[in-house]
Amino acid sequence: MAFKFEKLIVWQKALELSDTVHQLTKSFPKDEQYILTSQMKRAADSVSLNIAEGSTGQTNPEFKRFLSYALRSNIEVVGCIYIAKRRSYIQQKEFEKIYRMCEEILVMINGLRNTLN
């Protein structure tokens, strides 16, 4: 592994979230393709991408800034799954799975941010 972020468990979990969201949104209605589907996938991808971008060659304050972006994107995914559930695009079981993933990532990002003080 050549890059610092590849060793971060939180980055690996964020990749899993991205994969899960990608698979889940395949079943969304076509009229959501450029709306909720796109928003949800971009938010999920943004979690891992911000962790990666901030970790490499950055100062701790800069890394913390990117972790804040990742955290906000993670929370955006939670907002999206609430909308998807209300519109009956996902079932409670799928909602809970992604919610738990986001919750775990939130705790890990906050923990990592706290180590950078």
PDB file of N, CA and C in Angstrom:
ATOM      1  N   MET A   1       0.841  -1.185   0.000  1.00  0.00           N
ATOM      2  CA  MET A   1       0.000   0.000   0.000  1.00  0.00           C
ATOM      3  C   MET A   1       0.884   1.246   0.000  1.00  0.00           C
ATOM      4  N   ALA A   2       0.745   2.011  -1.025  1.00  0.00           N
ATOM      5  CA  ALA A   2       1.612   3.168  -1.211  1.00  0.00           C
ATOM      6  C   ALA A   2       1.078   4.445  -0.555  1.00  0.00           C
ATOM      7  N   PHE A   3      -0.215   4.485  -0.285  1.00  0.00           N
ATOM      8  CA  PHE A   3      -0.812   5.707   0.230  1.00  0.00           C
ATOM      9  C   PHE A   3      -1.296   5.515   1.664  1.00  0.00           C
ATOM     10  N   LYS A   4      -1.128   6.556   2.460  1.00  0.00           N
ATOM     11  CA  LYS A   4      -1.482   6.525   3.884  1.00  0.00           C
ATOM     12  C   LYS A   4      -2.951   6.126   4.105  1.00  0.00           C
ATOM     13  N   PHE A   5      -3.852   6.661   3.298  1.00  0.00           N
ATOM     14  CA  PHE A   5      -5.281   6.427   3.508  1.00  0.00           C
ATOM     15  C   PHE A   5      -5.680   4.964   3.336  1.00  0.00           C
ATOM     16  N   GLU A   6      -4.934   4.215   2.530  1.00  0.00           N
ATOM     17  CA  GLU A   6      -5.287   2.819   2.270  1.00  0.00           C
ATOM     18  C   GLU A   6      -5.265   1.962   3.533  1.00  0.00           C
ATOM     19  N   LYS A   7      -4.492   2.389   4.511  1.00  0.00           N
ATOM     20  CA  LYS A   7      -4.384   1.653   5.775  1.00  0.00           C
ATOM     21  C   LYS A   7      -5.474   2.036   6.774  1.00  0.00           C
ATOM     22  N   LEU A   8      -6.185   3.118   6.496  1.00  0.00           N
ATOM     23  CA  LEU A   8      -7.204   3.603   7.430  1.00  0.00           C
ATOM     24  C   LEU A   8      -8.468   2.747   7.337  1.00  0.00           C
ATOM     25  N   ILE A   9      -8.859   2.164   8.448  1.00  0.00           N
ATOM     26  CA  ILE A   9     -10.061   1.334   8.471  1.00  0.00           C
ATOM     27  C   ILE A   9     -11.290   2.162   8.121  1.00  0.00           C
ATOM     28  N   VAL A  10     -11.313   3.413   8.540  1.00  0.00           N
ATOM     29  CA  VAL A  10     -12.464   4.263   8.235  1.00  0.00           C
ATOM     30  C   VAL A  10     -12.592   4.468   6.725  1.00  0.00           C
ATOM     31  N   TRP A  11     -11.483   4.567   6.016  1.00  0.00           N
ATOM     32  CA  TRP A  11     -11.525   4.692   4.560  1.00  0.00           C
ATOM     33  C   TRP A  11     -12.067   3.410   3.935  1.00  0.00           C
ATOM     34  N   GLN A  12     -11.628   2.264   4.455  1.00  0.00           N
ATOM     35  CA  GLN A  12     -12.105   0.975   3.957  1.00  0.00           C
ATOM     36  C   GLN A  12     -13.606   0.825   4.198  1.00  0.00           C
ATOM     37  N   LYS A  13     -14.075   1.264   5.367  1.00  0.00           N
ATOM     38  CA  LYS A  13     -15.518   1.229   5.668  1.00  0.00           C
ATOM     39  C   LYS A  13     -16.287   2.168   4.740  1.00  0.00           C
ATOM     40  N   ALA A  14     -15.702   3.306   4.439  1.00  0.00           N
ATOM     41  CA  ALA A  14     -16.346   4.259   3.536  1.00  0.00           C
ATOM     42  C   ALA A  14     -16.470   3.670   2.125  1.00  0.00           C
ATOM     43  N   LEU A  15     -15.480   2.897   1.700  1.00  0.00           N
ATOM     44  CA  LEU A  15     -15.582   2.212   0.405  1.00  0.00           C
ATOM     45  C   LEU A  15     -16.727   1.207   0.414  1.00  0.00           C
ATOM     46  N   GLU A  16     -16.882   0.493   1.514  1.00  0.00           N
ATOM     47  CA  GLU A  16     -17.990  -0.460   1.646  1.00  0.00           C
ATOM     48  C   GLU A  16     -19.327   0.267   1.562  1.00  0.00           C
ATOM     49  N   LEU A  17     -19.414   1.422   2.207  1.00  0.00           N
ATOM     50  CA  LEU A  17     -20.641   2.224   2.138  1.00  0.00           C
ATOM     51  C   LEU A  17     -20.930   2.616   0.694  1.00  0.00           C
ATOM     52  N   SER A  18     -19.922   3.063  -0.004  1.00  0.00           N
ATOM     53  CA  SER A  18     -20.080   3.463  -1.402  1.00  0.00           C
ATOM     54  C   SER A  18     -20.578   2.299  -2.260  1.00  0.00           C
ATOM     55  N   ASP A  19     -19.989   1.132  -2.061  1.00  0.00           N
ATOM     56  CA  ASP A  19     -20.421  -0.055  -2.808  1.00  0.00           C
ATOM     57  C   ASP A  19     -21.872  -0.420  -2.498  1.00  0.00           C
ATOM     58  N   THR A  20     -22.225  -0.354  -1.219  1.00  0.00           N
ATOM     59  CA  THR A  20     -23.589  -0.696  -0.796  1.00  0.00           C
ATOM     60  C   THR A  20     -24.604   0.269  -1.393  1.00  0.00           C
ATOM     61  N   VAL A  21     -24.303   1.553  -1.336  1.00  0.00           N
ATOM     62  CA  VAL A  21     -25.204   2.566  -1.893  1.00  0.00           C
ATOM     63  C   VAL A  21     -25.321   2.388  -3.408  1.00  0.00           C
ATOM     64  N   HIS A  22     -24.218   2.119  -4.064  1.00  0.00           N
ATOM     65  CA  HIS A  22     -24.243   1.913  -5.515  1.00  0.00           C
ATOM     66  C   HIS A  22     -25.180   0.766  -5.888  1.00  0.00           C
ATOM     67  N   GLN A  23     -25.057  -0.351  -5.183  1.00  0.00           N
ATOM     68  CA  GLN A  23     -25.915  -1.504  -5.465  1.00  0.00           C
ATOM     69  C   GLN A  23     -27.384  -1.194  -5.160  1.00  0.00           C
ATOM     70  N   LEU A  24     -27.604  -0.533  -4.034  1.00  0.00           N
ATOM     71  CA  LEU A  24     -28.969  -0.224  -3.611  1.00  0.00           C
ATOM     72  C   LEU A  24     -29.681   0.691  -4.606  1.00  0.00           C
ATOM     73  N   THR A  25     -28.989   1.693  -5.093  1.00  0.00           N
ATOM     74  CA  THR A  25     -29.638   2.670  -5.970  1.00  0.00           C
ATOM     75  C   THR A  25     -29.933   2.119  -7.363  1.00  0.00           C
ATOM     76  N   LYS A  26     -29.403   0.972  -7.699  1.00  0.00           N
ATOM     77  CA  LYS A  26     -29.726   0.347  -8.987  1.00  0.00           C
ATOM     78  C   LYS A  26     -31.209   0.018  -9.093  1.00  0.00           C
ATOM     79  N   SER A  27     -31.855  -0.163  -7.939  1.00  0.00           N
ATOM     80  CA  SER A  27     -33.279  -0.507  -7.941  1.00  0.00           C
ATOM     81  C   SER A  27     -34.194   0.719  -7.861  1.00  0.00           C
ATOM     82  N   PHE A  28     -33.630   1.901  -7.750  1.00  0.00           N
ATOM     83  CA  PHE A  28     -34.440   3.114  -7.676  1.00  0.00           C
ATOM     84  C   PHE A  28     -35.114   3.364  -9.028  1.00  0.00           C
ATOM     85  N   PRO A  29     -36.250   4.046  -9.022  1.00  0.00           N
ATOM     86  CA  PRO A  29     -36.934   4.352 -10.286  1.00  0.00           C
ATOM     87  C   PRO A  29     -36.054   5.181 -11.222  1.00  0.00           C
ATOM     88  N   LYS A  30     -36.256   4.991 -12.494  1.00  0.00           N
ATOM     89  CA  LYS A  30     -35.460   5.712 -13.500  1.00  0.00           C
ATOM     90  C   LYS A  30     -35.626   7.227 -13.388  1.00  0.00           C
ATOM     91  N   ASP A  31     -36.804   7.687 -12.962  1.00  0.00           N
ATOM     92  CA  ASP A  31     -36.995   9.137 -12.869  1.00  0.00           C
ATOM     93  C   ASP A  31     -36.214   9.760 -11.714  1.00  0.00           C
ATOM     94  N   GLU A  32     -35.588   8.924 -10.880  1.00  0.00           N
ATOM     95  CA  GLU A  32     -34.717   9.413  -9.807  1.00  0.00           C
ATOM     96  C   GLU A  32     -33.243   9.354 -10.203  1.00  0.00           C
ATOM     97  N   GLN A  33     -32.951   8.877 -11.397  1.00  0.00           N
ATOM     98  CA  GLN A  33     -31.565   8.661 -11.822  1.00  0.00           C
ATOM     99  C   GLN A  33     -30.693   9.910 -11.666  1.00  0.00           C
ATOM    100  N   TYR A  34     -31.205  11.055 -12.036  1.00  0.00           N
ATOM    101  CA  TYR A  34     -30.406  12.283 -11.981  1.00  0.00           C
ATOM    102  C   TYR A  34     -30.763  13.139 -10.766  1.00  0.00           C
ATOM    103  N   ILE A  35     -31.547  12.567  -9.867  1.00  0.00           N
ATOM    104  CA  ILE A  35     -31.952  13.321  -8.679  1.00  0.00           C
ATOM    105  C   ILE A  35     -31.428  12.580  -7.446  1.00  0.00           C
ATOM    106  N   LEU A  36     -32.286  11.828  -6.776  1.00  0.00           N
ATOM    107  CA  LEU A  36     -31.893  11.174  -5.522  1.00  0.00           C
ATOM    108  C   LEU A  36     -30.792  10.137  -5.737  1.00  0.00           C
ATOM    109  N   THR A  37     -30.888   9.357  -6.797  1.00  0.00           N
ATOM    110  CA  THR A  37     -29.859   8.339  -7.048  1.00  0.00           C
ATOM    111  C   THR A  37     -28.490   8.996  -7.177  1.00  0.00           C
ATOM    112  N   SER A  38     -28.397  10.007  -7.988  1.00  0.00           N
ATOM    113  CA  SER A  38     -27.135  10.706  -8.194  1.00  0.00           C
ATOM    114  C   SER A  38     -26.628  11.352  -6.909  1.00  0.00           C
ATOM    115  N   GLN A  39     -27.512  12.013  -6.195  1.00  0.00           N
ATOM    116  CA  GLN A  39     -27.138  12.700  -4.955  1.00  0.00           C
ATOM    117  C   GLN A  39     -26.608  11.712  -3.927  1.00  0.00           C
ATOM    118  N   MET A  40     -27.297  10.598  -3.793  1.00  0.00           N
ATOM    119  CA  MET A  40     -26.926   9.600  -2.794  1.00  0.00           C
ATOM    120  C   MET A  40     -25.585   8.952  -3.137  1.00  0.00           C
ATOM    121  N   LYS A  41     -25.388   8.628  -4.401  1.00  0.00           N
ATOM    122  CA  LYS A  41     -24.127   8.013  -4.824  1.00  0.00           C
ATOM    123  C   LYS A  41     -22.963   8.989  -4.685  1.00  0.00           C
ATOM    124  N   ARG A  42     -23.165  10.242  -5.045  1.00  0.00           N
ATOM    125  CA  ARG A  42     -22.092  11.236  -4.922  1.00  0.00           C
ATOM    126  C   ARG A  42     -21.734  11.472  -3.461  1.00  0.00           C
ATOM    127  N   ALA A  43     -22.741  11.514  -2.590  1.00  0.00           N
ATOM    128  CA  ALA A  43     -22.473  11.708  -1.162  1.00  0.00           C
ATOM    129  C   ALA A  43     -21.690  10.520  -0.597  1.00  0.00           C
ATOM    130  N   ALA A  44     -22.101   9.309  -0.946  1.00  0.00           N
ATOM    131  CA  ALA A  44     -21.412   8.114  -0.451  1.00  0.00           C
ATOM    132  C   ALA A  44     -19.975   8.059  -0.962  1.00  0.00           C
ATOM    133  N   ASP A  45     -19.770   8.366  -2.234  1.00  0.00           N
ATOM    134  CA  ASP A  45     -18.417   8.382  -2.793  1.00  0.00           C
ATOM    135  C   ASP A  45     -17.552   9.456  -2.133  1.00  0.00           C
ATOM    136  N   SER A  46     -18.165  10.573  -1.831  1.00  0.00           N
ATOM    137  CA  SER A  46     -17.447  11.704  -1.258  1.00  0.00           C
ATOM    138  C   SER A  46     -16.841  11.389   0.107  1.00  0.00           C
ATOM    139  N   VAL A  47     -17.437  10.482   0.844  1.00  0.00           N
ATOM    140  CA  VAL A  47     -16.897  10.124   2.160  1.00  0.00           C
ATOM    141  C   VAL A  47     -15.479   9.581   1.994  1.00  0.00           C
ATOM    142  N   SER A  48     -15.331   8.548   1.196  1.00  0.00           N
ATOM    143  CA  SER A  48     -14.005   7.947   1.014  1.00  0.00           C
ATOM    144  C   SER A  48     -13.050   8.878   0.275  1.00  0.00           C
ATOM    145  N   LEU A  49     -13.560   9.621  -0.688  1.00  0.00           N
ATOM    146  CA  LEU A  49     -12.693  10.506  -1.458  1.00  0.00           C
ATOM    147  C   LEU A  49     -12.112  11.631  -0.605  1.00  0.00           C
ATOM    148  N   ASN A  50     -12.895  12.188   0.290  1.00  0.00           N
ATOM    149  CA  ASN A  50     -12.382  13.242   1.165  1.00  0.00           C
ATOM    150  C   ASN A  50     -11.391  12.709   2.191  1.00  0.00           C
ATOM    151  N   ILE A  51     -11.631  11.508   2.685  1.00  0.00           N
ATOM    152  CA  ILE A  51     -10.657  10.901   3.598  1.00  0.00           C
ATOM    153  C   ILE A  51      -9.327  10.707   2.869  1.00  0.00           C
ATOM    154  N   ALA A  52      -9.387  10.181   1.663  1.00  0.00           N
ATOM    155  CA  ALA A  52      -8.178   9.940   0.881  1.00  0.00           C
ATOM    156  C   ALA A  52      -7.453  11.253   0.574  1.00  0.00           C
ATOM    157  N   GLU A  53      -8.190  12.219   0.067  1.00  0.00           N
ATOM    158  CA  GLU A  53      -7.565  13.476  -0.329  1.00  0.00           C
ATOM    159  C   GLU A  53      -6.910  14.181   0.850  1.00  0.00           C
ATOM    160  N   GLY A  54      -7.588  14.184   1.976  1.00  0.00           N
ATOM    161  CA  GLY A  54      -7.058  14.899   3.133  1.00  0.00           C
ATOM    162  C   GLY A  54      -5.885  14.225   3.809  1.00  0.00           C
ATOM    163  N   SER A  55      -5.762  12.929   3.647  1.00  0.00           N
ATOM    164  CA  SER A  55      -4.745  12.187   4.394  1.00  0.00           C
ATOM    165  C   SER A  55      -3.349  12.264   3.797  1.00  0.00           C
ATOM    166  N   THR A  56      -3.250  12.550   2.529  1.00  0.00           N
ATOM    167  CA  THR A  56      -1.977  12.421   1.846  1.00  0.00           C
ATOM    168  C   THR A  56      -1.274  13.762   1.712  1.00  0.00           C
ATOM    169  N   GLY A  57      -0.161  13.883   2.408  1.00  0.00           N
ATOM    170  CA  GLY A  57       0.680  15.068   2.288  1.00  0.00           C
ATOM    171  C   GLY A  57       0.088  16.331   2.865  1.00  0.00           C
ATOM    172  N   GLN A  58      -0.852  16.194   3.764  1.00  0.00           N
ATOM    173  CA  GLN A  58      -1.500  17.364   4.340  1.00  0.00           C
ATOM    174  C   GLN A  58      -1.069  17.541   5.796  1.00  0.00           C
ATOM    175  N   THR A  59      -1.237  18.736   6.284  1.00  0.00           N
ATOM    176  CA  THR A  59      -1.015  18.989   7.703  1.00  0.00           C
ATOM    177  C   THR A  59      -2.203  18.435   8.478  1.00  0.00           C
ATOM    178  N   ASN A  60      -2.056  18.277   9.778  1.00  0.00           N
ATOM    179  CA  ASN A  60      -3.175  17.781  10.593  1.00  0.00           C
ATOM    180  C   ASN A  60      -4.401  18.688  10.510  1.00  0.00           C
ATOM    181  N   PRO A  61      -4.244  20.014  10.595  1.00  0.00           N
ATOM    182  CA  PRO A  61      -5.428  20.866  10.449  1.00  0.00           C
ATOM    183  C   PRO A  61      -6.113  20.701   9.081  1.00  0.00           C
ATOM    184  N   GLU A  62      -5.304  20.532   8.033  1.00  0.00           N
ATOM    185  CA  GLU A  62      -5.879  20.335   6.702  1.00  0.00           C
ATOM    186  C   GLU A  62      -6.602  18.989   6.620  1.00  0.00           C
ATOM    187  N   PHE A  63      -6.001  17.957   7.193  1.00  0.00           N
ATOM    188  CA  PHE A  63      -6.631  16.635   7.210  1.00  0.00           C
ATOM    189  C   PHE A  63      -7.944  16.696   7.977  1.00  0.00           C
ATOM    190  N   LYS A  64      -7.954  17.403   9.101  1.00  0.00           N
ATOM    191  CA  LYS A  64      -9.189  17.551   9.881  1.00  0.00           C
ATOM    192  C   LYS A  64     -10.283  18.228   9.057  1.00  0.00           C
ATOM    193  N   ARG A  65      -9.887  19.200   8.244  1.00  0.00           N
ATOM    194  CA  ARG A  65     -10.865  19.897   7.390  1.00  0.00           C
ATOM    195  C   ARG A  65     -11.505  18.919   6.406  1.00  0.00           C
ATOM    196  N   PHE A  66     -10.695  18.073   5.794  1.00  0.00           N
ATOM    197  CA  PHE A  66     -11.233  17.095   4.854  1.00  0.00           C
ATOM    198  C   PHE A  66     -12.058  16.028   5.569  1.00  0.00           C
ATOM    199  N   LEU A  67     -11.677  15.685   6.784  1.00  0.00           N
ATOM    200  CA  LEU A  67     -12.486  14.741   7.565  1.00  0.00           C
ATOM    201  C   LEU A  67     -13.849  15.350   7.886  1.00  0.00           C
ATOM    202  N   SER A  68     -13.885  16.661   8.082  1.00  0.00           N
ATOM    203  CA  SER A  68     -15.175  17.340   8.293  1.00  0.00           C
ATOM    204  C   SER A  68     -16.043  17.246   7.054  1.00  0.00           C
ATOM    205  N   TYR A  69     -15.443  17.382   5.876  1.00  0.00           N
ATOM    206  CA  TYR A  69     -16.197  17.220   4.633  1.00  0.00           C
ATOM    207  C   TYR A  69     -16.733  15.792   4.517  1.00  0.00           C
ATOM    208  N   ALA A  70     -15.885  14.829   4.852  1.00  0.00           N
ATOM    209  CA  ALA A  70     -16.293  13.421   4.793  1.00  0.00           C
ATOM    210  C   ALA A  70     -17.456  13.170   5.750  1.00  0.00           C
ATOM    211  N   LEU A  71     -17.370  13.761   6.930  1.00  0.00           N
ATOM    212  CA  LEU A  71     -18.430  13.600   7.928  1.00  0.00           C
ATOM    213  C   LEU A  71     -19.750  14.171   7.420  1.00  0.00           C
ATOM    214  N   ARG A  72     -19.704  15.334   6.807  1.00  0.00           N
ATOM    215  CA  ARG A  72     -20.922  15.952   6.270  1.00  0.00           C
ATOM    216  C   ARG A  72     -21.520  15.110   5.146  1.00  0.00           C
ATOM    217  N   SER A  73     -20.670  14.559   4.303  1.00  0.00           N
ATOM    218  CA  SER A  73     -21.159  13.690   3.229  1.00  0.00           C
ATOM    219  C   SER A  73     -21.794  12.433   3.788  1.00  0.00           C
ATOM    220  N   ASN A  74     -21.203  11.902   4.839  1.00  0.00           N
ATOM    221  CA  ASN A  74     -21.747  10.724   5.507  1.00  0.00           C
ATOM    222  C   ASN A  74     -23.150  11.021   6.050  1.00  0.00           C
ATOM    223  N   ILE A  75     -23.307  12.169   6.650  1.00  0.00           N
ATOM    224  CA  ILE A  75     -24.611  12.572   7.184  1.00  0.00           C
ATOM    225  C   ILE A  75     -25.604  12.815   6.044  1.00  0.00           C
ATOM    226  N   GLU A  76     -25.105  13.305   4.922  1.00  0.00           N
ATOM    227  CA  GLU A  76     -25.959  13.490   3.745  1.00  0.00           C
ATOM    228  C   GLU A  76     -26.526  12.153   3.263  1.00  0.00           C
ATOM    229  N   VAL A  77     -25.720  11.099   3.327  1.00  0.00           N
ATOM    230  CA  VAL A  77     -26.206   9.762   2.959  1.00  0.00           C
ATOM    231  C   VAL A  77     -27.374   9.377   3.860  1.00  0.00           C
ATOM    232  N   VAL A  78     -27.264   9.682   5.146  1.00  0.00           N
ATOM    233  CA  VAL A  78     -28.354   9.370   6.080  1.00  0.00           C
ATOM    234  C   VAL A  78     -29.616  10.128   5.679  1.00  0.00           C
ATOM    235  N   GLY A  79     -29.467  11.386   5.345  1.00  0.00           N
ATOM    236  CA  GLY A  79     -30.623  12.153   4.874  1.00  0.00           C
ATOM    237  C   GLY A  79     -31.242  11.542   3.630  1.00  0.00           C
ATOM    238  N   CYS A  80     -30.409  11.074   2.730  1.00  0.00           N
ATOM    239  CA  CYS A  80     -30.902  10.448   1.493  1.00  0.00           C
ATOM    240  C   CYS A  80     -31.664   9.157   1.770  1.00  0.00           C
ATOM    241  N   ILE A  81     -31.186   8.360   2.717  1.00  0.00           N
ATOM    242  CA  ILE A  81     -31.902   7.105   2.973  1.00  0.00           C
ATOM    243  C   ILE A  81     -33.251   7.361   3.642  1.00  0.00           C
ATOM    244  N   TYR A  82     -33.349   8.438   4.390  1.00  0.00           N
ATOM    245  CA  TYR A  82     -34.661   8.797   4.929  1.00  0.00           C
ATOM    246  C   TYR A  82     -35.628   9.131   3.798  1.00  0.00           C
ATOM    247  N   ILE A  83     -35.162   9.894   2.832  1.00  0.00           N
ATOM    248  CA  ILE A  83     -36.008  10.230   1.683  1.00  0.00           C
ATOM    249  C   ILE A  83     -36.376   8.968   0.910  1.00  0.00           C
ATOM    250  N   ALA A  84     -35.375   8.117   0.664  1.00  0.00           N
ATOM    251  CA  ALA A  84     -35.624   6.877  -0.087  1.00  0.00           C
ATOM    252  C   ALA A  84     -36.641   5.989   0.630  1.00  0.00           C
ATOM    253  N   LYS A  85     -36.567   5.931   1.938  1.00  0.00           N
ATOM    254  CA  LYS A  85     -37.522   5.116   2.699  1.00  0.00           C
ATOM    255  C   LYS A  85     -38.923   5.718   2.620  1.00  0.00           C
ATOM    256  N   ARG A  86     -39.023   7.028   2.753  1.00  0.00           N
ATOM    257  CA  ARG A  86     -40.332   7.696   2.679  1.00  0.00           C
ATOM    258  C   ARG A  86     -40.986   7.519   1.320  1.00  0.00           C
ATOM    259  N   ARG A  87     -40.168   7.423   0.280  1.00  0.00           N
ATOM    260  CA  ARG A  87     -40.688   7.235  -1.077  1.00  0.00           C
ATOM    261  C   ARG A  87     -40.834   5.757  -1.439  1.00  0.00           C
ATOM    262  N   SER A  88     -40.597   4.906  -0.463  1.00  0.00           N
ATOM    263  CA  SER A  88     -40.738   3.445  -0.618  1.00  0.00           C
ATOM    264  C   SER A  88     -39.775   2.855  -1.644  1.00  0.00           C
ATOM    265  N   TYR A  89     -38.583   3.447  -1.757  1.00  0.00           N
ATOM    266  CA  TYR A  89     -37.557   2.895  -2.637  1.00  0.00           C
ATOM    267  C   TYR A  89     -36.718   1.848  -1.924  1.00  0.00           C
ATOM    268  N   ILE A  90     -36.673   1.947  -0.598  1.00  0.00           N
ATOM    269  CA  ILE A  90     -35.940   0.966   0.204  1.00  0.00           C
ATOM    270  C   ILE A  90     -36.821   0.487   1.351  1.00  0.00           C
ATOM    271  N   GLN A  91     -36.527  -0.696   1.815  1.00  0.00           N
ATOM    272  CA  GLN A  91     -37.240  -1.282   2.935  1.00  0.00           C
ATOM    273  C   GLN A  91     -36.519  -0.930   4.244  1.00  0.00           C
ATOM    274  N   GLN A  92     -37.173  -1.173   5.344  1.00  0.00           N
ATOM    275  CA  GLN A  92     -36.618  -0.872   6.657  1.00  0.00           C
ATOM    276  C   GLN A  92     -35.270  -1.572   6.880  1.00  0.00           C
ATOM    277  N   LYS A  93     -35.156  -2.803   6.434  1.00  0.00           N
ATOM    278  CA  LYS A  93     -33.920  -3.572   6.620  1.00  0.00           C
ATOM    279  C   LYS A  93     -32.741  -2.904   5.903  1.00  0.00           C
ATOM    280  N   GLU A  94     -32.967  -2.450   4.687  1.00  0.00           N
ATOM    281  CA  GLU A  94     -31.919  -1.765   3.924  1.00  0.00           C
ATOM    282  C   GLU A  94     -31.571  -0.426   4.576  1.00  0.00           C
ATOM    283  N   PHE A  95     -32.613   0.279   5.017  1.00  0.00           N
ATOM    284  CA  PHE A  95     -32.416   1.544   5.718  1.00  0.00           C
ATOM    285  C   PHE A  95     -31.518   1.338   6.933  1.00  0.00           C
ATOM    286  N   GLU A  96     -31.848   0.349   7.743  1.00  0.00           N
ATOM    287  CA  GLU A  96     -31.093   0.095   8.977  1.00  0.00           C
ATOM    288  C   GLU A  96     -29.645  -0.294   8.691  1.00  0.00           C
ATOM    289  N   LYS A  97     -29.423  -1.066   7.643  1.00  0.00           N
ATOM    290  CA  LYS A  97     -28.063  -1.481   7.291  1.00  0.00           C
ATOM    291  C   LYS A  97     -27.197  -0.268   6.960  1.00  0.00           C
ATOM    292  N   ILE A  98     -27.697   0.603   6.098  1.00  0.00           N
ATOM    293  CA  ILE A  98     -26.916   1.775   5.716  1.00  0.00           C
ATOM    294  C   ILE A  98     -26.801   2.750   6.880  1.00  0.00           C
ATOM    295  N   TYR A  99     -27.853   2.892   7.652  1.00  0.00           N
ATOM    296  CA  TYR A  99     -27.818   3.769   8.817  1.00  0.00           C
ATOM    297  C   TYR A  99     -26.710   3.331   9.774  1.00  0.00           C
ATOM    298  N   ARG A 100     -26.634   2.026  10.043  1.00  0.00           N
ATOM    299  CA  ARG A 100     -25.588   1.498  10.938  1.00  0.00           C
ATOM    300  C   ARG A 100     -24.201   1.731  10.352  1.00  0.00           C
ATOM    301  N   MET A 101     -24.055   1.542   9.061  1.00  0.00           N
ATOM    302  CA  MET A 101     -22.763   1.795   8.417  1.00  0.00           C
ATOM    303  C   MET A 101     -22.361   3.263   8.594  1.00  0.00           C
ATOM    304  N   CYS A 102     -23.292   4.165   8.362  1.00  0.00           N
ATOM    305  CA  CYS A 102     -23.014   5.595   8.501  1.00  0.00           C
ATOM    306  C   CYS A 102     -22.706   5.963   9.943  1.00  0.00           C
ATOM    307  N   GLU A 103     -23.413   5.350  10.861  1.00  0.00           N
ATOM    308  CA  GLU A 103     -23.177   5.603  12.276  1.00  0.00           C
ATOM    309  C   GLU A 103     -21.763   5.173  12.670  1.00  0.00           C
ATOM    310  N   GLU A 104     -21.347   4.010  12.203  1.00  0.00           N
ATOM    311  CA  GLU A 104     -20.004   3.507  12.495  1.00  0.00           C
ATOM    312  C   GLU A 104     -18.940   4.423  11.893  1.00  0.00           C
ATOM    313  N   ILE A 105     -19.153   4.860  10.661  1.00  0.00           N
ATOM    314  CA  ILE A 105     -18.203   5.758  10.007  1.00  0.00           C
ATOM    315  C   ILE A 105     -18.133   7.091  10.741  1.00  0.00           C
ATOM    316  N   LEU A 106     -19.265   7.606  11.190  1.00  0.00           N
ATOM    317  CA  LEU A 106     -19.305   8.853  11.946  1.00  0.00           C
ATOM    318  C   LEU A 106     -18.424   8.754  13.193  1.00  0.00           C
ATOM    319  N   VAL A 107     -18.572   7.684  13.939  1.00  0.00           N
ATOM    320  CA  VAL A 107     -17.778   7.482  15.160  1.00  0.00           C
ATOM    321  C   VAL A 107     -16.287   7.401  14.818  1.00  0.00           C
ATOM    322  N   MET A 108     -15.972   6.689  13.748  1.00  0.00           N
ATOM    323  CA  MET A 108     -14.572   6.524  13.355  1.00  0.00           C
ATOM    324  C   MET A 108     -13.959   7.835  12.874  1.00  0.00           C
ATOM    325  N   ILE A 109     -14.701   8.606  12.102  1.00  0.00           N
ATOM    326  CA  ILE A 109     -14.185   9.906  11.638  1.00  0.00           C
ATOM    327  C   ILE A 109     -13.952  10.822  12.831  1.00  0.00           C
ATOM    328  N   ASN A 110     -14.906  10.880  13.749  1.00  0.00           N
ATOM    329  CA  ASN A 110     -14.732  11.721  14.930  1.00  0.00           C
ATOM    330  C   ASN A 110     -13.541  11.266  15.763  1.00  0.00           C
ATOM    331  N   GLY A 111     -13.360   9.963  15.900  1.00  0.00           N
ATOM    332  CA  GLY A 111     -12.211   9.432  16.631  1.00  0.00           C
ATOM    333  C   GLY A 111     -10.898   9.814  15.969  1.00  0.00           C
ATOM    334  N   LEU A 112     -10.847   9.696  14.648  1.00  0.00           N
ATOM    335  CA  LEU A 112      -9.638  10.063  13.922  1.00  0.00           C
ATOM    336  C   LEU A 112      -9.368  11.555  14.037  1.00  0.00           C
ATOM    337  N   ARG A 113     -10.398  12.359  13.939  1.00  0.00           N
ATOM    338  CA  ARG A 113     -10.235  13.823  14.084  1.00  0.00           C
ATOM    339  C   ARG A 113      -9.667  14.162  15.450  1.00  0.00           C
ATOM    340  N   ASN A 114     -10.131  13.465  16.477  1.00  0.00           N
ATOM    341  CA  ASN A 114      -9.658  13.743  17.833  1.00  0.00           C
ATOM    342  C   ASN A 114      -8.189  13.386  18.021  1.00  0.00           C
ATOM    343  N   THR A 115      -7.696  12.421  17.266  1.00  0.00           N
ATOM    344  CA  THR A 115      -6.270  12.057  17.389  1.00  0.00           C
ATOM    345  C   THR A 115      -5.363  13.080  16.714  1.00  0.00           C
ATOM    346  N   LEU A 116      -5.925  13.937  15.898  1.00  0.00           N
ATOM    347  CA  LEU A 116      -5.117  14.909  15.155  1.00  0.00           C
ATOM    348  C   LEU A 116      -4.915  16.225  15.885  1.00  0.00           C
ATOM    349  N   ASN A 117      -5.382  16.320  17.106  1.00  0.00           N
ATOM    350  CA  ASN A 117      -5.218  17.563  17.894  1.00  0.00           C
ATOM    351  C   ASN A 117      -3.797  17.753  18.352  1.00  0.00           C
TER     352      ASN A 117
END
